[in-house]
Amino acid sequence: MATKKAASTNKKAPAKKSAAAKSTKTTVTTAPVAATSSTLSGHIQQSVRSVALWRALGAELVGTFLLAGVVIAGQGQPIFVLFALVGIILTLGAISGAHVNPAITIGALVTRRIGWLRAIGYIVAQCLGAALAYVVLNGFISGADAVSAQAQAYGQTAPSLFAAADVAKLTGKEWFVFFSELTGTAILGLAYASATRVVRDRLTGAFTIGLGIFTALMIAVSAAGYVAATAVINPAVAIALHAYSWTSIWPFAIYALAPAIGAVIGFVIYDLLRGKEA
């Protein structure tokens, strides 16, 4: 009897052991991982840390500085702007695309050629570059000698920077200048869209845009000149030309809104004409 009892206890021992082993098992669960950052903030942080973005912003600032300087020094003559823009594109185009114009940047943004964060940076850099061009050139003008009364008698006047005509003096002709700006920038947007979509060498692309702005300025300047106004087709350069005024909304509508609308129209027209091959 003692032997049978011992045997029975030996048989039950493994069962107790397995039960104990089951009781000691722990369930491993993974805690939900907290999101470190939202998609928007993560995109901003990644872009801000990009060296290529800061180089592009610097290129836009320098390029717009040079373009605004040429417009002021050359009295806005289309032929001077043509060669200046060609040189800027050949020099800085590989870094940023050489938009050097907020309207072109907006057109590229709407047609998904550029991201919204880069577009905002471009516009800020372009406005700063144009304002800096005015500050630098105005510094040279302030250092010029005053014109004497005798010189004034012979028609000599003190040197001054080229500036846009006062929109407030148009009195009812503002829409003419509005549509001249819109038309000119639409032509320029068409040229930029062609240069960015078609694969070609840099020289051809630069002259495509250069001839585009020459054509745009010839038409816009002539149209605005009929009503004694100034065509700029560049919202940033308009800062350097003192085209904006806080006394009326028309200067902002003419020199900021109209070019933006025109550039978008130019980009869209080109994409529609080219079709899905782009």
Protein backbone atom coordinates (compact mmCIF):
# COMPACT_ATOMS: atom_id res chain seq x y z
CA MET A 1 0.00 0.00 0.00
CA ALA A 2 2.85 2.33 0.81
CA THR A 3 4.36 1.69 -2.57
CA LYS A 4 1.13 2.52 -4.42
CA LYS A 5 0.71 5.78 -2.50
CA ALA A 6 4.22 6.85 -3.29
CA ALA A 7 3.68 6.06 -6.95
CA SER A 8 0.51 8.11 -7.04
CA THR A 9 2.23 11.09 -5.50
CA ASN A 10 5.02 10.81 -8.07
CA LYS A 11 2.48 10.87 -10.90
CA LYS A 12 0.77 14.01 -9.62
CA ALA A 13 4.04 15.92 -9.13
CA PRO A 14 4.57 16.78 -12.82
CA ALA A 15 1.00 18.09 -13.02
CA LYS A 16 1.63 20.46 -10.15
CA LYS A 17 4.89 21.56 -11.77
CA SER A 18 3.26 22.32 -15.08
CA ALA A 19 0.51 24.24 -13.31
CA ALA A 20 3.12 26.26 -11.47
CA ALA A 21 4.94 26.92 -14.73
CA LYS A 22 1.72 28.12 -16.33
CA SER A 23 1.04 30.43 -13.42
CA THR A 24 4.50 32.02 -13.71
CA LYS A 25 4.13 32.86 -17.41
CA THR A 26 3.82 36.57 -18.12
CA THR A 27 2.06 38.11 -21.03
CA VAL A 28 4.17 40.63 -22.94
CA THR A 29 2.12 43.50 -24.32
CA THR A 30 3.39 46.40 -26.37
CA ALA A 31 2.37 49.82 -25.18
CA PRO A 32 1.14 52.20 -27.86
CA VAL A 33 3.97 54.34 -29.18
CA ALA A 34 3.28 58.05 -28.70
CA ALA A 35 3.67 60.18 -31.78
CA THR A 36 6.79 62.29 -31.46
CA SER A 37 5.51 65.01 -33.74
CA SER A 38 2.66 65.71 -36.09
CA THR A 39 3.07 65.42 -39.83
CA LEU A 40 3.02 69.20 -40.33
CA SER A 41 5.57 70.03 -37.65
CA GLY A 42 7.77 67.15 -38.74
CA HIS A 43 7.74 68.39 -42.31
CA ILE A 44 8.63 71.91 -41.17
CA GLN A 45 11.48 70.69 -38.97
CA GLN A 46 12.88 68.53 -41.73
CA SER A 47 12.71 71.36 -44.24
CA VAL A 48 14.27 73.94 -41.91
CA ARG A 49 17.20 71.60 -41.29
CA SER A 50 17.77 71.18 -45.02
CA VAL A 51 20.93 72.91 -46.18
CA ALA A 52 19.68 72.83 -49.77
CA LEU A 53 16.64 74.90 -48.79
CA TRP A 54 18.74 77.62 -47.15
CA ARG A 55 21.01 77.72 -50.18
CA ALA A 56 17.98 78.13 -52.43
CA LEU A 57 16.65 80.95 -50.24
CA GLY A 58 20.02 82.68 -50.41
CA ALA A 59 20.03 82.32 -54.20
CA GLU A 60 16.56 83.86 -54.43
CA LEU A 61 17.60 86.78 -52.22
CA VAL A 62 20.75 87.48 -54.25
CA GLY A 63 18.96 86.99 -57.58
CA THR A 64 16.11 89.36 -56.73
CA PHE A 65 18.62 91.88 -55.37
CA LEU A 66 20.41 91.87 -58.72
CA LEU A 67 17.19 92.02 -60.74
CA ALA A 68 15.77 94.91 -58.72
CA GLY A 69 19.07 96.75 -59.00
CA VAL A 70 19.06 96.41 -62.78
CA VAL A 71 15.44 97.56 -63.03
CA ILE A 72 16.21 100.67 -60.97
CA ALA A 73 19.49 101.47 -62.71
CA GLY A 74 18.11 100.73 -66.18
CA GLN A 75 14.87 102.67 -65.66
CA GLY A 76 12.90 99.47 -66.23
CA GLN A 77 13.96 99.10 -69.88
CA PRO A 78 12.98 95.61 -71.14
CA ILE A 79 16.27 94.94 -72.95
CA PHE A 80 18.27 95.47 -69.75
CA VAL A 81 15.92 93.26 -67.77
CA LEU A 82 16.20 90.54 -70.44
CA PHE A 83 19.98 90.17 -70.18
CA ALA A 84 19.95 90.61 -66.41
CA LEU A 85 17.44 87.79 -65.96
CA VAL A 86 19.33 85.51 -68.35
CA GLY A 87 22.52 86.08 -66.37
CA ILE A 88 20.76 85.48 -63.06
CA ILE A 89 19.22 82.21 -64.29
CA LEU A 90 22.52 80.94 -65.66
CA THR A 91 24.27 81.83 -62.40
CA LEU A 92 21.70 80.79 -59.77
CA GLY A 93 19.13 78.72 -61.64
CA ALA A 94 20.72 75.40 -60.70
CA ILE A 95 20.42 76.28 -57.00
CA SER A 96 16.86 77.56 -56.66
CA GLY A 97 15.32 77.73 -60.12
CA ALA A 98 15.83 81.51 -60.11
CA HIS A 99 12.18 82.53 -59.74
CA VAL A 100 13.21 85.98 -58.40
CA ASN A 101 9.52 86.90 -58.58
CA PRO A 102 6.80 86.10 -56.01
CA ALA A 103 4.21 85.83 -58.78
CA ILE A 104 6.22 83.09 -60.50
CA THR A 105 6.62 81.28 -57.19
CA ILE A 106 2.85 81.39 -56.63
CA GLY A 107 2.24 80.08 -60.14
CA ALA A 108 4.67 77.22 -59.52
CA LEU A 109 2.99 76.49 -56.18
CA VAL A 110 -0.52 76.33 -57.62
CA THR A 111 0.61 73.99 -60.41
CA ARG A 112 2.51 71.79 -57.94
CA ARG A 113 5.99 72.52 -59.18
CA ILE A 114 7.10 73.61 -55.71
CA GLY A 115 6.08 72.90 -52.11
CA TRP A 116 4.20 75.43 -49.98
CA LEU A 117 6.95 75.79 -47.37
CA ARG A 118 9.61 76.46 -49.98
CA ALA A 119 7.25 78.87 -51.72
CA ILE A 120 6.78 80.93 -48.55
CA GLY A 121 10.54 81.04 -48.02
CA TYR A 122 11.10 82.10 -51.63
CA ILE A 123 8.61 84.97 -51.38
CA VAL A 124 10.15 86.28 -48.16
CA ALA A 125 13.67 86.06 -49.60
CA GLN A 126 12.60 87.78 -52.82
CA CYS A 127 10.99 90.70 -50.98
CA LEU A 128 14.05 91.10 -48.77
CA GLY A 129 16.36 91.05 -51.79
CA ALA A 130 14.39 93.75 -53.60
CA ALA A 131 14.21 95.95 -50.49
CA LEU A 132 17.96 95.53 -49.97
CA ALA A 133 18.62 96.64 -53.55
CA TYR A 134 16.73 99.87 -52.89
CA VAL A 135 18.59 100.48 -49.62
CA VAL A 136 21.99 99.97 -51.26
CA LEU A 137 21.31 102.15 -54.30
CA ASN A 138 19.67 104.82 -52.19
CA GLY A 139 22.83 104.90 -50.09
CA PHE A 140 24.83 105.84 -53.17
CA ILE A 141 22.28 108.48 -54.17
CA SER A 142 22.43 110.08 -50.72
CA GLY A 143 26.18 110.47 -51.14
CA ALA A 144 25.85 112.45 -54.36
CA ASP A 145 26.66 116.17 -54.36
CA ALA A 146 23.77 118.60 -54.17
CA VAL A 147 22.89 120.46 -57.35
CA SER A 148 23.63 124.16 -57.15
CA ALA A 149 21.14 126.83 -58.13
CA GLN A 150 23.25 127.69 -61.17
CA ALA A 151 23.18 124.08 -62.36
CA GLN A 152 19.43 123.94 -61.84
CA ALA A 153 19.08 126.97 -64.09
CA TYR A 154 20.62 124.91 -66.90
CA GLY A 155 18.17 122.09 -66.30
CA GLN A 156 20.39 119.86 -64.20
CA THR A 157 18.55 118.01 -61.44
CA ALA A 158 19.64 116.02 -58.44
CA PRO A 159 20.08 112.29 -59.08
CA SER A 160 17.17 110.13 -57.98
CA LEU A 161 16.17 106.49 -58.16
CA PHE A 162 13.72 105.21 -60.73
CA ALA A 163 10.28 104.77 -59.13
CA ALA A 164 6.82 103.68 -60.21
CA ALA A 165 4.21 106.29 -61.08
CA ASP A 166 1.74 107.20 -58.36
CA VAL A 167 -1.40 105.10 -58.81
CA ALA A 168 -3.44 107.66 -56.87
CA LYS A 169 -3.13 110.07 -59.81
CA LEU A 170 -4.80 107.71 -62.26
CA THR A 171 -8.36 108.49 -61.09
CA GLY A 172 -10.50 105.85 -62.75
CA LYS A 173 -7.82 104.25 -64.92
CA GLU A 174 -6.62 101.74 -62.34
CA TRP A 175 -8.18 98.77 -64.16
CA PHE A 176 -6.05 99.48 -67.23
CA VAL A 177 -2.87 99.09 -65.18
CA PHE A 178 -4.33 96.06 -63.37
CA PHE A 179 -4.87 94.18 -66.62
CA SER A 180 -1.55 95.28 -68.06
CA GLU A 181 0.17 93.72 -65.04
CA LEU A 182 -1.99 90.60 -65.29
CA THR A 183 -1.32 90.18 -69.02
CA GLY A 184 2.40 90.74 -68.73
CA THR A 185 2.83 88.28 -65.89
CA ALA A 186 0.72 85.69 -67.71
CA ILE A 187 3.20 85.85 -70.60
CA LEU A 188 6.11 85.53 -68.18
CA GLY A 189 4.42 82.61 -66.40
CA LEU A 190 3.96 80.87 -69.74
CA ALA A 191 7.69 81.20 -70.43
CA TYR A 192 8.67 79.91 -66.98
CA ALA A 193 6.28 76.97 -67.28
CA SER A 194 7.82 76.03 -70.62
CA ALA A 195 11.36 76.25 -69.23
CA THR A 196 10.53 74.03 -66.23
CA ARG A 197 8.52 71.36 -68.08
CA VAL A 198 10.55 70.84 -71.22
CA VAL A 199 13.93 69.12 -70.85
CA ARG A 200 16.53 71.39 -72.38
CA ASP A 201 19.96 72.81 -71.62
CA ARG A 202 20.32 75.70 -69.16
CA LEU A 203 21.22 78.25 -71.82
CA THR A 204 18.09 77.57 -73.84
CA GLY A 205 15.93 77.68 -70.73
CA ALA A 206 17.51 80.95 -69.59
CA PHE A 207 16.88 82.64 -72.92
CA THR A 208 13.33 81.25 -73.05
CA ILE A 209 12.57 83.03 -69.78
CA GLY A 210 14.62 86.09 -70.73
CA LEU A 211 12.77 86.55 -74.01
CA GLY A 212 9.55 85.85 -72.15
CA ILE A 213 10.09 88.75 -69.76
CA PHE A 214 11.19 90.96 -72.65
CA THR A 215 7.91 90.26 -74.47
CA ALA A 216 5.92 90.63 -71.26
CA LEU A 217 7.47 93.99 -70.42
CA MET A 218 7.12 95.32 -73.95
CA ILE A 219 3.39 94.66 -73.86
CA ALA A 220 2.76 95.61 -70.22
CA VAL A 221 4.91 98.76 -70.28
CA SER A 222 3.28 99.97 -73.50
CA ALA A 223 -0.23 99.29 -72.19
CA ALA A 224 0.42 100.98 -68.84
CA GLY A 225 2.21 103.87 -70.53
CA TYR A 226 -0.94 104.83 -72.40
CA VAL A 227 -2.46 105.89 -69.07
CA ALA A 228 0.79 107.37 -67.70
CA ALA A 229 1.41 104.42 -65.36
CA THR A 230 4.29 102.01 -64.71
CA ALA A 231 4.29 98.26 -65.35
CA VAL A 232 6.51 96.14 -63.09
CA ILE A 233 5.13 92.54 -63.31
CA ASN A 234 7.08 91.63 -60.18
CA PRO A 235 5.58 92.17 -56.68
CA ALA A 236 9.03 92.12 -55.06
CA VAL A 237 10.61 94.62 -57.44
CA ALA A 238 7.56 96.83 -56.87
CA ILE A 239 8.84 97.27 -53.31
CA ALA A 240 12.12 98.71 -54.62
CA LEU A 241 10.19 101.04 -56.93
CA HIS A 242 7.97 102.37 -54.13
CA ALA A 243 4.91 101.19 -55.99
CA TYR A 244 2.91 100.35 -52.85
CA SER A 245 1.01 102.89 -50.80
CA TRP A 246 -1.01 102.45 -47.60
CA THR A 247 -3.43 105.20 -48.60
CA SER A 248 -5.23 103.00 -51.12
CA ILE A 249 -5.81 99.33 -51.87
CA TRP A 250 -5.22 99.80 -55.59
CA PRO A 251 -1.40 99.66 -55.49
CA PHE A 252 -1.55 96.25 -53.79
CA ALA A 253 -4.23 95.03 -56.19
CA ILE A 254 -2.24 96.21 -59.22
CA TYR A 255 1.31 95.26 -58.27
CA ALA A 256 0.71 92.20 -56.03
CA LEU A 257 -2.65 90.60 -56.80
CA ALA A 258 -2.71 91.07 -60.58
CA PRO A 259 0.78 89.55 -61.14
CA ALA A 260 -0.09 86.56 -58.94
CA ILE A 261 -3.27 85.89 -60.90
CA GLY A 262 -1.48 86.41 -64.20
CA ALA A 263 1.34 84.00 -63.36
CA VAL A 264 -1.13 81.28 -62.35
CA ILE A 265 -3.01 81.80 -65.62
CA GLY A 266 0.24 81.52 -67.59
CA PHE A 267 1.27 78.28 -65.87
CA VAL A 268 -2.19 76.74 -66.24
CA ILE A 269 -2.48 77.69 -69.92
CA TYR A 270 0.85 76.05 -70.68
CA ASP A 271 -0.09 72.86 -68.84
CA LEU A 272 -3.41 72.71 -70.69
CA LEU A 273 -1.73 73.24 -74.05
CA ARG A 274 0.98 70.67 -73.39
CA GLY A 275 -1.38 68.09 -71.93
CA LYS A 276 -0.46 65.00 -69.95
CA GLU A 277 2.90 64.63 -71.69
CA ALA A 278 4.32 67.11 -69.13
